[in-house]
Every structure is written in structure tokens, then in C-alpha cells.
PDB file of N, CA and C in Angstrom:
ATOM      1  N   MET A   1       0.829  -1.192   0.000  1.00  0.00           N
ATOM      2  CA  MET A   1       0.000   0.000   0.000  1.00  0.00           C
ATOM      3  C   MET A   1       0.872   1.255   0.000  1.00  0.00           C
ATOM      4  N   MET A   2       1.819   1.320   0.921  1.00  0.00           N
ATOM      5  CA  MET A   2       2.673   2.502   1.017  1.00  0.00           C
ATOM      6  C   MET A   2       3.584   2.631  -0.207  1.00  0.00           C
ATOM      7  N   GLN A   3       4.016   1.489  -0.740  1.00  0.00           N
ATOM      8  CA  GLN A   3       4.882   1.528  -1.909  1.00  0.00           C
ATOM      9  C   GLN A   3       4.120   2.062  -3.121  1.00  0.00           C
ATOM     10  N   SER A   4       2.848   1.684  -3.256  1.00  0.00           N
ATOM     11  CA  SER A   4       2.066   2.187  -4.385  1.00  0.00           C
ATOM     12  C   SER A   4       1.821   3.691  -4.258  1.00  0.00           C
ATOM     13  N   LEU A   5       1.672   4.186  -3.023  1.00  0.00           N
ATOM     14  CA  LEU A   5       1.530   5.629  -2.825  1.00  0.00           C
ATOM     15  C   LEU A   5       2.809   6.358  -3.227  1.00  0.00           C
ATOM     16  N   GLY A   6       3.944   5.770  -2.890  1.00  0.00           N
ATOM     17  CA  GLY A   6       5.223   6.354  -3.277  1.00  0.00           C
ATOM     18  C   GLY A   6       5.411   6.364  -4.788  1.00  0.00           C
ATOM     19  N   GLN A   7       5.011   5.275  -5.440  1.00  0.00           N
ATOM     20  CA  GLN A   7       5.111   5.209  -6.894  1.00  0.00           C
ATOM     21  C   GLN A   7       4.196   6.235  -7.548  1.00  0.00           C
ATOM     22  N   GLU A   8       2.995   6.374  -7.007  1.00  0.00           N
ATOM     23  CA  GLU A   8       2.050   7.356  -7.545  1.00  0.00           C
ATOM     24  C   GLU A   8       2.592   8.777  -7.385  1.00  0.00           C
ATOM     25  N   ALA A   9       3.206   9.050  -6.246  1.00  0.00           N
ATOM     26  CA  ALA A   9       3.792  10.375  -6.020  1.00  0.00           C
ATOM     27  C   ALA A   9       4.931  10.644  -7.001  1.00  0.00           C
ATOM     28  N   LEU A  10       5.770   9.649  -7.229  1.00  0.00           N
ATOM     29  CA  LEU A  10       6.885   9.811  -8.161  1.00  0.00           C
ATOM     30  C   LEU A  10       6.384  10.042  -9.581  1.00  0.00           C
ATOM     31  N   ILE A  11       5.390   9.277 -10.003  1.00  0.00           N
ATOM     32  CA  ILE A  11       4.816   9.450 -11.339  1.00  0.00           C
ATOM     33  C   ILE A  11       4.196  10.836 -11.479  1.00  0.00           C
ATOM     34  N   SER A  12       3.508  11.291 -10.441  1.00  0.00           N
ATOM     35  CA  SER A  12       2.889  12.623 -10.479  1.00  0.00           C
ATOM     36  C   SER A  12       3.943  13.714 -10.592  1.00  0.00           C
ATOM     37  N   MET A  13       5.015  13.604  -9.827  1.00  0.00           N
ATOM     38  CA  MET A  13       6.079  14.612  -9.874  1.00  0.00           C
ATOM     39  C   MET A  13       6.737  14.650 -11.250  1.00  0.00           C
ATOM     40  N   ILE A  14       7.033  13.482 -11.795  1.00  0.00           N
ATOM     41  CA  ILE A  14       7.667  13.411 -13.112  1.00  0.00           C
ATOM     42  C   ILE A  14       6.735  13.962 -14.182  1.00  0.00           C
ATOM     43  N   SER A  15       5.457  13.601 -14.102  1.00  0.00           N
ATOM     44  CA  SER A  15       4.477  14.096 -15.068  1.00  0.00           C
ATOM     45  C   SER A  15       4.371  15.616 -15.018  1.00  0.00           C
ATOM     46  N   HIS A  16       4.279  16.163 -13.813  1.00  0.00           N
ATOM     47  CA  HIS A  16       4.185  17.616 -13.675  1.00  0.00           C
ATOM     48  C   HIS A  16       5.421  18.293 -14.275  1.00  0.00           C
ATOM     49  N   LEU A  17       6.601  17.784 -13.969  1.00  0.00           N
ATOM     50  CA  LEU A  17       7.826  18.389 -14.499  1.00  0.00           C
ATOM     51  C   LEU A  17       7.890  18.310 -16.023  1.00  0.00           C
ATOM     52  N   ILE A  18       7.506  17.167 -16.575  1.00  0.00           N
ATOM     53  CA  ILE A  18       7.539  17.006 -18.032  1.00  0.00           C
ATOM     54  C   ILE A  18       6.585  17.988 -18.704  1.00  0.00           C
ATOM     55  N   PHE A  19       5.363  18.090 -18.186  1.00  0.00           N
ATOM     56  CA  PHE A  19       4.398  18.990 -18.816  1.00  0.00           C
ATOM     57  C   PHE A  19       4.752  20.460 -18.590  1.00  0.00           C
ATOM     58  N   ILE A  20       5.389  20.781 -17.480  1.00  0.00           N
ATOM     59  CA  ILE A  20       5.856  22.155 -17.270  1.00  0.00           C
ATOM     60  C   ILE A  20       6.964  22.486 -18.269  1.00  0.00           C
ATOM     61  N   ILE A  21       7.871  21.551 -18.501  1.00  0.00           N
ATOM     62  CA  ILE A  21       8.947  21.772 -19.476  1.00  0.00           C
ATOM     63  C   ILE A  21       8.377  21.924 -20.883  1.00  0.00           C
ATOM     64  N   ILE A  22       7.423  21.067 -21.249  1.00  0.00           N
ATOM     65  CA  ILE A  22       6.793  21.168 -22.573  1.00  0.00           C
ATOM     66  C   ILE A  22       6.092  22.513 -22.730  1.00  0.00           C
ATOM     67  N   THR A  23       5.354  22.921 -21.699  1.00  0.00           N
ATOM     68  CA  THR A  23       4.651  24.205 -21.751  1.00  0.00           C
ATOM     69  C   THR A  23       5.636  25.358 -21.863  1.00  0.00           C
ATOM     70  N   TRP A  24       6.735  25.297 -21.129  1.00  0.00           N
ATOM     71  CA  TRP A  24       7.752  26.354 -21.190  1.00  0.00           C
ATOM     72  C   TRP A  24       8.303  26.480 -22.607  1.00  0.00           C
ATOM     73  N   ARG A  25       8.603  25.322 -23.222  1.00  0.00           N
ATOM     74  CA  ARG A  25       9.139  25.336 -24.587  1.00  0.00           C
ATOM     75  C   ARG A  25       8.136  25.941 -25.568  1.00  0.00           C
ATOM     76  N   ILE A  26       6.867  25.618 -25.393  1.00  0.00           N
ATOM     77  CA  ILE A  26       5.835  26.158 -26.279  1.00  0.00           C
ATOM     78  C   ILE A  26       5.684  27.664 -26.081  1.00  0.00           C
ATOM     79  N   LEU A  27       5.643  28.106 -24.825  1.00  0.00           N
ATOM     80  CA  LEU A  27       5.452  29.531 -24.550  1.00  0.00           C
ATOM     81  C   LEU A  27       6.660  30.376 -24.956  1.00  0.00           C
ATOM     82  N   GLN A  28       7.825  29.756 -25.084  1.00  0.00           N
ATOM     83  CA  GLN A  28       9.000  30.494 -25.544  1.00  0.00           C
ATOM     84  C   GLN A  28       8.843  30.940 -26.996  1.00  0.00           C
ATOM     85  N   GLY A  29       7.993  30.252 -27.740  1.00  0.00           N
ATOM     86  CA  GLY A  29       7.768  30.601 -29.139  1.00  0.00           C
ATOM     87  C   GLY A  29       6.811  31.760 -29.338  1.00  0.00           C
ATOM     88  N   ILE A  30       6.184  32.228 -28.261  1.00  0.00           N
ATOM     89  CA  ILE A  30       5.236  33.336 -28.359  1.00  0.00           C
ATOM     90  C   ILE A  30       5.980  34.652 -28.154  1.00  0.00           C
ATOM     91  N   ASN A  31       5.735  35.592 -29.042  1.00  0.00           N
ATOM     92  CA  ASN A  31       6.380  36.904 -28.947  1.00  0.00           C
ATOM     93  C   ASN A  31       5.565  37.797 -28.016  1.00  0.00           C
ATOM     94  N   LEU A  32       6.090  38.044 -26.831  1.00  0.00           N
ATOM     95  CA  LEU A  32       5.402  38.870 -25.848  1.00  0.00           C
ATOM     96  C   LEU A  32       5.921  40.302 -25.813  1.00  0.00           C
ATOM     97  N   GLU A  33       6.865  40.626 -26.675  1.00  0.00           N
ATOM     98  CA  GLU A  33       7.474  41.958 -26.666  1.00  0.00           C
ATOM     99  C   GLU A  33       6.457  43.096 -26.778  1.00  0.00           C
ATOM    100  N   PRO A  34       5.450  42.993 -27.650  1.00  0.00           N
ATOM    101  CA  PRO A  34       4.497  44.110 -27.743  1.00  0.00           C
ATOM    102  C   PRO A  34       3.660  44.299 -26.472  1.00  0.00           C
ATOM    103  N   LEU A  35       3.549  43.279 -25.645  1.00  0.00           N
ATOM    104  CA  LEU A  35       2.732  43.358 -24.440  1.00  0.00           C
ATOM    105  C   LEU A  35       3.501  43.851 -23.220  1.00  0.00           C
ATOM    106  N   ILE A  36       4.825  43.910 -23.335  1.00  0.00           N
ATOM    107  CA  ILE A  36       5.665  44.245 -22.185  1.00  0.00           C
ATOM    108  C   ILE A  36       5.990  45.736 -22.192  1.00  0.00           C
ATOM    109  N   LYS A  37       5.785  46.373 -21.059  1.00  0.00           N
ATOM    110  CA  LYS A  37       6.191  47.774 -20.920  1.00  0.00           C
ATOM    111  C   LYS A  37       7.711  47.826 -20.789  1.00  0.00           C
ATOM    112  N   LYS A  38       8.279  48.900 -21.238  1.00  0.00           N
ATOM    113  CA  LYS A  38       9.737  49.055 -21.126  1.00  0.00           C
ATOM    114  C   LYS A  38      10.125  49.103 -19.659  1.00  0.00           C
ATOM    115  N   GLY A  39      11.172  48.394 -19.326  1.00  0.00           N
ATOM    116  CA  GLY A  39      11.646  48.349 -17.947  1.00  0.00           C
ATOM    117  C   GLY A  39      10.916  47.331 -17.087  1.00  0.00           C
ATOM    118  N   ARG A  40      10.023  46.555 -17.658  1.00  0.00           N
ATOM    119  CA  ARG A  40       9.253  45.555 -16.907  1.00  0.00           C
ATOM    120  C   ARG A  40       9.535  44.137 -17.404  1.00  0.00           C
ATOM    121  N   VAL A  41      10.733  43.905 -17.851  1.00  0.00           N
ATOM    122  CA  VAL A  41      11.096  42.597 -18.403  1.00  0.00           C
ATOM    123  C   VAL A  41      11.095  41.528 -17.316  1.00  0.00           C
ATOM    124  N   MET A  42      11.610  41.861 -16.143  1.00  0.00           N
ATOM    125  CA  MET A  42      11.661  40.877 -15.060  1.00  0.00           C
ATOM    126  C   MET A  42      10.256  40.445 -14.645  1.00  0.00           C
ATOM    127  N   GLU A  43       9.348  41.395 -14.526  1.00  0.00           N
ATOM    128  CA  GLU A  43       7.974  41.064 -14.163  1.00  0.00           C
ATOM    129  C   GLU A  43       7.311  40.202 -15.231  1.00  0.00           C
ATOM    130  N   ALA A  44       7.604  40.488 -16.495  1.00  0.00           N
ATOM    131  CA  ALA A  44       7.045  39.694 -17.589  1.00  0.00           C
ATOM    132  C   ALA A  44       7.577  38.264 -17.548  1.00  0.00           C
ATOM    133  N   ASN A  45       8.856  38.106 -17.229  1.00  0.00           N
ATOM    134  CA  ASN A  45       9.431  36.761 -17.129  1.00  0.00           C
ATOM    135  C   ASN A  45       8.829  35.987 -15.964  1.00  0.00           C
ATOM    136  N   ILE A  46       8.600  36.655 -14.849  1.00  0.00           N
ATOM    137  CA  ILE A  46       7.978  35.988 -13.704  1.00  0.00           C
ATOM    138  C   ILE A  46       6.548  35.580 -14.044  1.00  0.00           C
ATOM    139  N   LEU A  47       5.821  36.461 -14.737  1.00  0.00           N
ATOM    140  CA  LEU A  47       4.463  36.127 -15.169  1.00  0.00           C
ATOM    141  C   LEU A  47       4.477  34.924 -16.100  1.00  0.00           C
ATOM    142  N   LEU A  48       5.447  34.876 -17.004  1.00  0.00           N
ATOM    143  CA  LEU A  48       5.570  33.745 -17.922  1.00  0.00           C
ATOM    144  C   LEU A  48       5.844  32.446 -17.159  1.00  0.00           C
ATOM    145  N   ILE A  49       6.647  32.519 -16.118  1.00  0.00           N
ATOM    146  CA  ILE A  49       6.916  31.336 -15.290  1.00  0.00           C
ATOM    147  C   ILE A  49       5.641  30.878 -14.592  1.00  0.00           C
ATOM    148  N   PHE A  50       4.879  31.823 -14.031  1.00  0.00           N
ATOM    149  CA  PHE A  50       3.627  31.462 -13.359  1.00  0.00           C
ATOM    150  C   PHE A  50       2.614  30.861 -14.335  1.00  0.00           C
ATOM    151  N   ILE A  51       2.516  31.436 -15.522  1.00  0.00           N
ATOM    152  CA  ILE A  51       1.602  30.898 -16.532  1.00  0.00           C
ATOM    153  C   ILE A  51       2.038  29.502 -16.948  1.00  0.00           C
ATOM    154  N   THR A  52       3.347  29.308 -17.099  1.00  0.00           N
ATOM    155  CA  THR A  52       3.879  27.990 -17.457  1.00  0.00           C
ATOM    156  C   THR A  52       3.527  26.952 -16.406  1.00  0.00           C
ATOM    157  N   ILE A  53       3.715  27.288 -15.139  1.00  0.00           N
ATOM    158  CA  ILE A  53       3.405  26.352 -14.057  1.00  0.00           C
ATOM    159  C   ILE A  53       1.914  26.051 -14.024  1.00  0.00           C
ATOM    160  N   ALA A  54       1.083  27.075 -14.181  1.00  0.00           N
ATOM    161  CA  ALA A  54      -0.368  26.878 -14.139  1.00  0.00           C
ATOM    162  C   ALA A  54      -0.845  25.974 -15.272  1.00  0.00           C
ATOM    163  N   ILE A  55      -0.403  26.241 -16.485  1.00  0.00           N
ATOM    164  CA  ILE A  55      -0.829  25.428 -17.627  1.00  0.00           C
ATOM    165  C   ILE A  55      -0.241  24.029 -17.537  1.00  0.00           C
ATOM    166  N   GLY A  56       1.048  23.921 -17.227  1.00  0.00           N
ATOM    167  CA  GLY A  56       1.707  22.612 -17.157  1.00  0.00           C
ATOM    168  C   GLY A  56       1.105  21.696 -16.115  1.00  0.00           C
ATOM    169  N   THR A  57       0.833  22.222 -14.925  1.00  0.00           N
ATOM    170  CA  THR A  57       0.249  21.374 -13.881  1.00  0.00           C
ATOM    171  C   THR A  57      -1.199  21.019 -14.191  1.00  0.00           C
ATOM    172  N   THR A  58      -1.930  21.918 -14.834  1.00  0.00           N
ATOM    173  CA  THR A  58      -3.314  21.613 -15.213  1.00  0.00           C
ATOM    174  C   THR A  58      -3.360  20.493 -16.243  1.00  0.00           C
ATOM    175  N   VAL A  59      -2.511  20.570 -17.251  1.00  0.00           N
ATOM    176  CA  VAL A  59      -2.465  19.521 -18.271  1.00  0.00           C
ATOM    177  C   VAL A  59      -1.990  18.206 -17.656  1.00  0.00           C
ATOM    178  N   SER A  60      -1.011  18.268 -16.781  1.00  0.00           N
ATOM    179  CA  SER A  60      -0.515  17.070 -16.114  1.00  0.00           C
ATOM    180  C   SER A  60      -1.599  16.429 -15.254  1.00  0.00           C
ATOM    181  N   ARG A  61      -2.339  17.246 -14.517  1.00  0.00           N
ATOM    182  CA  ARG A  61      -3.419  16.732 -13.669  1.00  0.00           C
ATOM    183  C   ARG A  61      -4.490  16.054 -14.521  1.00  0.00           C
ATOM    184  N   PHE A  62      -4.824  16.653 -15.677  1.00  0.00           N
ATOM    185  CA  PHE A  62      -5.776  16.023 -16.589  1.00  0.00           C
ATOM    186  C   PHE A  62      -5.239  14.678 -17.071  1.00  0.00           C
ATOM    187  N   PHE A  63      -3.972  14.647 -17.466  1.00  0.00           N
ATOM    188  CA  PHE A  63      -3.352  13.411 -17.936  1.00  0.00           C
ATOM    189  C   PHE A  63      -3.384  12.336 -16.855  1.00  0.00           C
ATOM    190  N   LEU A  64      -3.020  12.694 -15.628  1.00  0.00           N
ATOM    191  CA  LEU A  64      -3.004  11.728 -14.527  1.00  0.00           C
ATOM    192  C   LEU A  64      -4.416  11.272 -14.165  1.00  0.00           C
ATOM    193  N   ASP A  65      -5.377  12.194 -14.163  1.00  0.00           N
ATOM    194  CA  ASP A  65      -6.765  11.817 -13.895  1.00  0.00           C
ATOM    195  C   ASP A  65      -7.285  10.875 -14.964  1.00  0.00           C
ATOM    196  N   PHE A  66      -7.003  11.175 -16.224  1.00  0.00           N
ATOM    197  CA  PHE A  66      -7.459  10.325 -17.320  1.00  0.00           C
ATOM    198  C   PHE A  66      -6.846   8.934 -17.216  1.00  0.00           C
ATOM    199  N   LEU A  67      -5.579   8.869 -16.847  1.00  0.00           N
ATOM    200  CA  LEU A  67      -4.910   7.583 -16.656  1.00  0.00           C
ATOM    201  C   LEU A  67      -5.568   6.790 -15.529  1.00  0.00           C
ATOM    202  N   GLN A  68      -5.863   7.461 -14.430  1.00  0.00           N
ATOM    203  CA  GLN A  68      -6.511   6.801 -13.297  1.00  0.00           C
ATOM    204  C   GLN A  68      -7.919   6.337 -13.664  1.00  0.00           C
ATOM    205  N   TRP A  69      -8.665   7.161 -14.365  1.00  0.00           N
ATOM    206  CA  TRP A  69     -10.021   6.790 -14.762  1.00  0.00           C
ATOM    207  C   TRP A  69     -10.003   5.590 -15.698  1.00  0.00           C
ATOM    208  N   SER A  70      -9.039   5.541 -16.609  1.00  0.00           N
ATOM    209  CA  SER A  70      -8.966   4.412 -17.530  1.00  0.00           C
ATOM    210  C   SER A  70      -8.630   3.117 -16.787  1.00  0.00           C
ATOM    211  N   GLN A  71      -7.868   3.216 -15.703  1.00  0.00           N
ATOM    212  CA  GLN A  71      -7.567   2.028 -14.906  1.00  0.00           C
ATOM    213  C   GLN A  71      -8.770   1.588 -14.083  1.00  0.00           C
ATOM    214  N   GLN A  72      -9.647   2.517 -13.745  1.00  0.00           N
ATOM    215  CA  GLN A  72     -10.823   2.195 -12.941  1.00  0.00           C
ATOM    216  C   GLN A  72     -11.984   1.672 -13.778  1.00  0.00           C
ATOM    217  N   LEU A  73     -11.886   1.737 -15.096  1.00  0.00           N
ATOM    218  CA  LEU A  73     -12.967   1.264 -15.954  1.00  0.00           C
ATOM    219  C   LEU A  73     -13.221  -0.233 -15.798  1.00  0.00           C
ATOM    220  N   ILE A  74     -12.220  -0.987 -15.382  1.00  0.00           N
ATOM    221  CA  ILE A  74     -12.407  -2.433 -15.226  1.00  0.00           C
ATOM    222  C   ILE A  74     -13.425  -2.750 -14.136  1.00  0.00           C
ATOM    223  N   PHE A  75     -13.631  -1.829 -13.207  1.00  0.00           N
ATOM    224  CA  PHE A  75     -14.588  -2.058 -12.134  1.00  0.00           C
ATOM    225  C   PHE A  75     -16.027  -1.816 -12.582  1.00  0.00           C
ATOM    226  N   LEU A  76     -16.198  -1.300 -13.791  1.00  0.00           N
ATOM    227  CA  LEU A  76     -17.529  -1.040 -14.320  1.00  0.00           C
ATOM    228  C   LEU A  76     -18.220  -2.334 -14.719  1.00  0.00           C
ATOM    229  N   PHE A  77     -17.451  -3.324 -15.136  1.00  0.00           N
ATOM    230  CA  PHE A  77     -18.046  -4.579 -15.620  1.00  0.00           C
ATOM    231  C   PHE A  77     -17.751  -5.723 -14.686  1.00  0.00           C
TER     232      PHE A  77
END
């Protein structure tokens, strides 16, 4: 029981990191220069980091939930 909880935690951490990295790579391709005020580059970068974490963890949570739901389908029949 405890080992499966540890495995689930490890899978969740790895999934979150992978999707955060993927999201970061995607958001790097967006040109935010027209939206940034001069002298506010640091704030824009911090906002980009927060947006990356929010999107990456949301997508990861969906992926993990979908995986769990697909494993629970066997209990339907």
C-alpha cells in the first residue's frame, strides 16, 4: 500500500515536471514583446513562469486523472 503511494507520487512529480517543461518550450515561441512595458522585463518573465506552471500542472493533472479513470474502468463490468 505505502509503496504504491510512493510510486504514484513519483509518477505525479515526473508528469508535472515534463508537462511544465513542454509548456515552457511552447510559450518560448510566443512573442510577448508588444505586451511588455519598457523596464518591466523581469515582471514579464515571472508572469511567464507562473503561466507555465499553471498550464503545465493543469495539463498534467488532466493526464493523470485520465490515466486513473482508464484504470478504474475495469470495475464497471
